[in-house]
Amino acid sequence: MIDYFALGLTHALIVIALLRIFARTELDREEAPVDPPAEPTRPAPQEARRRRRRKGGGDA
């Protein structure tokens, strides 16, 4: 008897949770992104020099 009650209770709670999720209006809308992705920028000259030094090429 207790096994049926525990099984029924857990399944009922899962069904209630699913009904609440599917009833949300936010799931029906698809909005466009606010900002387009930013384009990569060129590094500052100091950054470029640091990267070259790390790779092994120096500025003399």
N, C-alpha and C. Protein backbone atom coordinates (compact mmCIF):
# COMPACT_ATOMS: atom_id res chain seq x y z
N MET A 1 0.83 -1.19 0.00
CA MET A 1 0.00 0.00 0.00
C MET A 1 0.87 1.26 0.00
N ILE A 2 1.87 1.30 0.88
CA ILE A 2 2.72 2.49 0.97
C ILE A 2 3.54 2.68 -0.31
N ASP A 3 3.89 1.58 -0.96
CA ASP A 3 4.65 1.69 -2.20
C ASP A 3 3.84 2.36 -3.30
N TYR A 4 2.57 2.02 -3.40
CA TYR A 4 1.71 2.66 -4.40
C TYR A 4 1.53 4.13 -4.09
N PHE A 5 1.41 4.45 -2.82
CA PHE A 5 1.24 5.86 -2.44
C PHE A 5 2.50 6.65 -2.80
N ALA A 6 3.68 6.14 -2.48
CA ALA A 6 4.93 6.84 -2.77
C ALA A 6 5.11 6.99 -4.28
N LEU A 7 4.80 5.94 -5.02
CA LEU A 7 4.93 6.01 -6.47
C LEU A 7 3.95 7.01 -7.06
N GLY A 8 2.72 6.97 -6.60
CA GLY A 8 1.70 7.89 -7.10
C GLY A 8 2.03 9.34 -6.75
N LEU A 9 2.52 9.57 -5.53
CA LEU A 9 2.85 10.92 -5.10
C LEU A 9 3.98 11.51 -5.93
N THR A 10 5.03 10.75 -6.13
CA THR A 10 6.16 11.28 -6.90
C THR A 10 5.77 11.54 -8.35
N HIS A 11 4.99 10.64 -8.94
CA HIS A 11 4.57 10.85 -10.32
C HIS A 11 3.62 12.03 -10.43
N ALA A 12 2.75 12.21 -9.46
CA ALA A 12 1.83 13.35 -9.47
C ALA A 12 2.61 14.65 -9.38
N LEU A 13 3.64 14.69 -8.55
CA LEU A 13 4.45 15.91 -8.42
C LEU A 13 5.20 16.21 -9.71
N ILE A 14 5.69 15.19 -10.38
CA ILE A 14 6.38 15.38 -11.65
C ILE A 14 5.41 15.93 -12.69
N VAL A 15 4.19 15.40 -12.74
CA VAL A 15 3.19 15.87 -13.69
C VAL A 15 2.83 17.33 -13.41
N ILE A 16 2.67 17.67 -12.14
CA ILE A 16 2.35 19.06 -11.78
C ILE A 16 3.49 19.99 -12.21
N ALA A 17 4.73 19.59 -11.98
CA ALA A 17 5.87 20.41 -12.38
C ALA A 17 5.91 20.59 -13.89
N LEU A 18 5.67 19.53 -14.65
CA LEU A 18 5.67 19.63 -16.10
C LEU A 18 4.55 20.52 -16.61
N LEU A 19 3.37 20.42 -16.01
CA LEU A 19 2.26 21.28 -16.40
C LEU A 19 2.58 22.75 -16.15
N ARG A 20 3.22 23.04 -15.03
CA ARG A 20 3.58 24.43 -14.73
C ARG A 20 4.64 24.94 -15.70
N ILE A 21 5.56 24.09 -16.09
CA ILE A 21 6.60 24.50 -17.04
C ILE A 21 5.99 24.77 -18.41
N PHE A 22 5.15 23.86 -18.89
CA PHE A 22 4.57 24.01 -20.22
C PHE A 22 3.54 25.13 -20.29
N ALA A 23 2.99 25.54 -19.17
CA ALA A 23 1.99 26.61 -19.16
C ALA A 23 2.63 28.00 -19.22
N ARG A 24 3.93 28.08 -19.09
CA ARG A 24 4.60 29.39 -19.11
C ARG A 24 4.55 29.99 -20.51
N THR A 25 4.30 31.28 -20.58
CA THR A 25 4.23 31.95 -21.87
C THR A 25 5.61 32.23 -22.44
N GLU A 26 6.63 32.21 -21.62
CA GLU A 26 7.99 32.49 -22.09
C GLU A 26 8.47 31.42 -23.07
N LEU A 27 7.89 30.24 -22.99
CA LEU A 27 8.32 29.16 -23.88
C LEU A 27 7.77 29.35 -25.29
N ASP A 28 6.76 30.18 -25.46
CA ASP A 28 6.14 30.37 -26.76
C ASP A 28 6.81 31.44 -27.60
N ARG A 29 7.69 32.22 -27.01
CA ARG A 29 8.31 33.33 -27.73
C ARG A 29 9.77 33.04 -28.01
N GLU A 30 10.22 33.57 -29.13
CA GLU A 30 11.64 33.49 -29.45
C GLU A 30 12.07 34.89 -29.86
N GLU A 31 12.88 35.51 -29.04
CA GLU A 31 13.30 36.88 -29.29
C GLU A 31 14.68 36.91 -29.93
N ALA A 32 14.88 37.90 -30.77
CA ALA A 32 16.18 38.07 -31.42
C ALA A 32 17.19 38.55 -30.39
N PRO A 33 18.46 38.25 -30.58
CA PRO A 33 19.48 38.75 -29.66
C PRO A 33 19.52 40.28 -29.67
N VAL A 34 19.81 40.86 -28.52
CA VAL A 34 19.80 42.31 -28.38
C VAL A 34 20.97 42.93 -29.13
N ASP A 35 22.17 42.46 -28.88
CA ASP A 35 23.37 43.02 -29.51
C ASP A 35 23.99 41.99 -30.45
N PRO A 36 24.42 42.43 -31.63
CA PRO A 36 25.14 41.48 -32.48
C PRO A 36 26.49 41.16 -31.85
N PRO A 37 27.05 40.02 -32.15
CA PRO A 37 28.35 39.69 -31.57
C PRO A 37 29.42 40.70 -32.00
N ALA A 38 30.28 41.04 -31.07
CA ALA A 38 31.33 42.03 -31.36
C ALA A 38 32.40 41.41 -32.25
N GLU A 39 32.92 42.21 -33.17
CA GLU A 39 33.98 41.75 -34.05
C GLU A 39 35.31 41.81 -33.28
N PRO A 40 36.19 40.87 -33.53
CA PRO A 40 37.48 40.91 -32.83
C PRO A 40 38.27 42.14 -33.25
N THR A 41 38.96 42.73 -32.31
CA THR A 41 39.77 43.92 -32.60
C THR A 41 41.23 43.53 -32.65
N ARG A 42 42.01 44.35 -33.28
CA ARG A 42 43.45 44.10 -33.34
C ARG A 42 44.06 44.46 -32.00
N PRO A 43 45.03 43.69 -31.54
CA PRO A 43 45.66 44.01 -30.26
C PRO A 43 46.49 45.29 -30.36
N ALA A 44 46.65 45.94 -29.23
CA ALA A 44 47.47 47.15 -29.18
C ALA A 44 48.92 46.79 -29.53
N PRO A 45 49.74 47.74 -29.99
CA PRO A 45 51.12 47.42 -30.38
C PRO A 45 51.92 46.77 -29.24
N GLN A 46 51.68 47.21 -28.00
CA GLN A 46 52.43 46.60 -26.89
C GLN A 46 52.07 45.13 -26.75
N GLU A 47 50.76 44.80 -26.89
CA GLU A 47 50.34 43.40 -26.79
C GLU A 47 50.97 42.57 -27.89
N ALA A 48 51.02 43.10 -29.10
CA ALA A 48 51.61 42.36 -30.21
C ALA A 48 53.09 42.07 -29.94
N ARG A 49 53.80 43.07 -29.39
CA ARG A 49 55.22 42.85 -29.06
C ARG A 49 55.37 41.79 -27.99
N ARG A 50 54.51 41.82 -26.98
CA ARG A 50 54.60 40.82 -25.91
C ARG A 50 54.36 39.42 -26.46
N ARG A 51 53.39 39.31 -27.36
CA ARG A 51 53.10 37.99 -27.94
C ARG A 51 54.27 37.48 -28.76
N ARG A 52 54.92 38.38 -29.54
CA ARG A 52 56.06 37.95 -30.34
C ARG A 52 57.20 37.50 -29.44
N ARG A 53 57.42 38.20 -28.32
CA ARG A 53 58.51 37.81 -27.41
C ARG A 53 58.24 36.43 -26.82
N ARG A 54 56.97 36.17 -26.47
CA ARG A 54 56.63 34.88 -25.89
C ARG A 54 56.85 33.76 -26.90
N LYS A 55 56.61 34.03 -28.17
CA LYS A 55 56.79 33.01 -29.19
C LYS A 55 58.24 32.79 -29.54
N GLY A 56 59.11 33.71 -29.17
CA GLY A 56 60.53 33.54 -29.45
C GLY A 56 61.07 34.54 -30.44
N GLY A 57 60.25 35.31 -31.12
CA GLY A 57 60.73 36.31 -32.06
C GLY A 57 60.88 37.64 -31.34
N GLY A 58 62.01 38.30 -31.46
CA GLY A 58 62.25 39.55 -30.75
C GLY A 58 62.24 40.75 -31.67
N ASP A 59 62.22 41.95 -31.09
CA ASP A 59 62.24 43.18 -31.87
C ASP A 59 63.65 43.73 -32.06
N ALA A 60 64.67 43.04 -31.65
CA ALA A 60 66.07 43.44 -31.78
C ALA A 60 66.50 44.38 -30.73
